[in-house]
Amino acid sequence: MHVGYCLSCYGENSYVFSAPLSTTRDEARKVLERKHLINGDPLTEAQVRALREHALGEVEIGWDENLSFFFEGRNLPEDDSKWL
């Protein structure tokens, strides 16, 4: 199964967007400095800026301190060993 990631943005009470990313697990791990890439922790501004370079298509991703940004999975395999 294809392993994919996205950069998602949420407001206080709403979903704002998700942008698909073209990045490998190892590339994302270097940016996020996490063993478990998808852990529910919000991203920092520096992490968002680094990840937006991997956005697919003509997507512009900005930073707003009033929003929360997360690294999320798309089409992840059920077996954790295939994507950890």
C-alpha atoms as a PDB file:
ATOM      1  CA  MET A   1       0.000   0.000   0.000  1.00  0.00           C
ATOM      2  CA  HIS A   2       1.163   3.549  -0.755  1.00  0.00           C
ATOM      3  CA  VAL A   3       2.401   5.471   2.235  1.00  0.00           C
ATOM      4  CA  GLY A   4       1.544   9.153   2.038  1.00  0.00           C
ATOM      5  CA  TYR A   5       1.556  12.203   4.224  1.00  0.00           C
ATOM      6  CA  CYS A   6      -0.167  15.563   4.365  1.00  0.00           C
ATOM      7  CA  LEU A   7       0.196  18.842   6.196  1.00  0.00           C
ATOM      8  CA  SER A   8      -3.148  19.666   7.794  1.00  0.00           C
ATOM      9  CA  CYS A   9      -4.361  22.895   9.336  1.00  0.00           C
ATOM     10  CA  TYR A  10      -7.128  23.390  11.887  1.00  0.00           C
ATOM     11  CA  GLY A  11      -8.750  26.430  13.434  1.00  0.00           C
ATOM     12  CA  GLU A  12     -10.204  26.510  16.928  1.00  0.00           C
ATOM     13  CA  ASN A  13     -13.430  24.826  15.886  1.00  0.00           C
ATOM     14  CA  SER A  14     -12.852  23.948  12.265  1.00  0.00           C
ATOM     15  CA  TYR A  15     -10.814  22.100   9.702  1.00  0.00           C
ATOM     16  CA  VAL A  16      -9.055  24.543   7.341  1.00  0.00           C
ATOM     17  CA  PHE A  17      -7.079  22.438   4.825  1.00  0.00           C
ATOM     18  CA  SER A  18      -4.874  19.429   4.142  1.00  0.00           C
ATOM     19  CA  ALA A  19      -2.104  19.615   1.563  1.00  0.00           C
ATOM     20  CA  PRO A  20      -0.599  16.360   0.271  1.00  0.00           C
ATOM     21  CA  LEU A  21       3.164  16.089   0.624  1.00  0.00           C
ATOM     22  CA  SER A  22       5.751  14.385  -1.524  1.00  0.00           C
ATOM     23  CA  THR A  23       8.221  13.307   1.126  1.00  0.00           C
ATOM     24  CA  THR A  24       9.743  10.087   2.328  1.00  0.00           C
ATOM     25  CA  ARG A  25       9.587   8.853   5.890  1.00  0.00           C
ATOM     26  CA  ASP A  26      13.291   9.604   6.344  1.00  0.00           C
ATOM     27  CA  GLU A  27      13.018  13.128   4.910  1.00  0.00           C
ATOM     28  CA  ALA A  28      10.072  13.884   7.190  1.00  0.00           C
ATOM     29  CA  ARG A  29      11.874  12.423  10.184  1.00  0.00           C
ATOM     30  CA  LYS A  30      14.792  14.825   9.651  1.00  0.00           C
ATOM     31  CA  VAL A  31      12.446  17.819   9.495  1.00  0.00           C
ATOM     32  CA  LEU A  32      10.271  16.780  12.435  1.00  0.00           C
ATOM     33  CA  GLU A  33      13.015  15.220  14.579  1.00  0.00           C
ATOM     34  CA  ARG A  34      10.553  12.564  15.796  1.00  0.00           C
ATOM     35  CA  LYS A  35      10.775   8.795  16.013  1.00  0.00           C
ATOM     36  CA  HIS A  36       7.004   8.518  15.525  1.00  0.00           C
ATOM     37  CA  LEU A  37       6.128  10.941  12.761  1.00  0.00           C
ATOM     38  CA  ILE A  38       2.389  10.942  13.367  1.00  0.00           C
ATOM     39  CA  ASN A  39       2.009  11.549  17.077  1.00  0.00           C
ATOM     40  CA  GLY A  40      -0.644  14.252  17.472  1.00  0.00           C
ATOM     41  CA  ASP A  41       1.787  17.010  18.441  1.00  0.00           C
ATOM     42  CA  PRO A  42       1.219  20.313  16.627  1.00  0.00           C
ATOM     43  CA  LEU A  43       3.987  21.456  14.313  1.00  0.00           C
ATOM     44  CA  THR A  44       6.203  24.435  14.993  1.00  0.00           C
ATOM     45  CA  GLU A  45       6.507  27.302  12.539  1.00  0.00           C
ATOM     46  CA  ALA A  46       9.956  26.041  11.480  1.00  0.00           C
ATOM     47  CA  GLN A  47       8.566  22.566  10.803  1.00  0.00           C
ATOM     48  CA  VAL A  48       5.698  23.958   8.717  1.00  0.00           C
ATOM     49  CA  ARG A  49       8.101  26.102   6.705  1.00  0.00           C
ATOM     50  CA  ALA A  50      10.343  23.085   6.033  1.00  0.00           C
ATOM     51  CA  LEU A  51       7.455  20.770   5.120  1.00  0.00           C
ATOM     52  CA  ARG A  52       5.771  23.211   2.757  1.00  0.00           C
ATOM     53  CA  GLU A  53       8.688  22.704   0.377  1.00  0.00           C
ATOM     54  CA  HIS A  54       7.306  19.172  -0.134  1.00  0.00           C
ATOM     55  CA  ALA A  55       3.732  20.232  -0.957  1.00  0.00           C
ATOM     56  CA  LEU A  56       2.349  18.780  -4.183  1.00  0.00           C
ATOM     57  CA  GLY A  57       1.050  21.074  -6.880  1.00  0.00           C
ATOM     58  CA  GLU A  58       0.876  24.818  -6.711  1.00  0.00           C
ATOM     59  CA  VAL A  59      -0.028  25.122  -3.053  1.00  0.00           C
ATOM     60  CA  GLU A  60       0.998  28.033  -0.886  1.00  0.00           C
ATOM     61  CA  ILE A  61       1.130  27.321   2.824  1.00  0.00           C
ATOM     62  CA  GLY A  62       1.566  30.172   5.264  1.00  0.00           C
ATOM     63  CA  TRP A  63       1.879  30.358   9.019  1.00  0.00           C
ATOM     64  CA  ASP A  64      -0.667  31.812  11.406  1.00  0.00           C
ATOM     65  CA  GLU A  65      -0.140  31.494  15.149  1.00  0.00           C
ATOM     66  CA  ASN A  66      -3.918  31.254  15.647  1.00  0.00           C
ATOM     67  CA  LEU A  67      -4.061  27.998  13.678  1.00  0.00           C
ATOM     68  CA  SER A  68      -2.750  24.517  14.494  1.00  0.00           C
ATOM     69  CA  PHE A  69      -0.747  22.520  11.963  1.00  0.00           C
ATOM     70  CA  PHE A  70      -0.265  18.756  12.027  1.00  0.00           C
ATOM     71  CA  PHE A  71       1.642  16.111  10.096  1.00  0.00           C
ATOM     72  CA  GLU A  72      -0.898  13.454   9.172  1.00  0.00           C
ATOM     73  CA  GLY A  73      -1.006  10.232   7.190  1.00  0.00           C
ATOM     74  CA  ARG A  74      -2.885   9.342   4.029  1.00  0.00           C
ATOM     75  CA  ASN A  75      -3.343   5.773   2.819  1.00  0.00           C
ATOM     76  CA  LEU A  76      -1.204   4.342   5.587  1.00  0.00           C
ATOM     77  CA  PRO A  77      -0.791   0.552   5.845  1.00  0.00           C
ATOM     78  CA  GLU A  78      -2.405  -1.212   8.784  1.00  0.00           C
ATOM     79  CA  ASP A  79       0.874  -2.851   9.830  1.00  0.00           C
ATOM     80  CA  ASP A  80       2.871  -0.294  11.872  1.00  0.00           C
ATOM     81  CA  SER A  81       6.184  -1.883  10.915  1.00  0.00           C
ATOM     82  CA  LYS A  82       5.660  -0.757   7.306  1.00  0.00           C
ATOM     83  CA  TRP A  83       5.647   2.961   8.109  1.00  0.00           C
ATOM     84  CA  LEU A  84       7.320   3.560  11.516  1.00  0.00           C
END
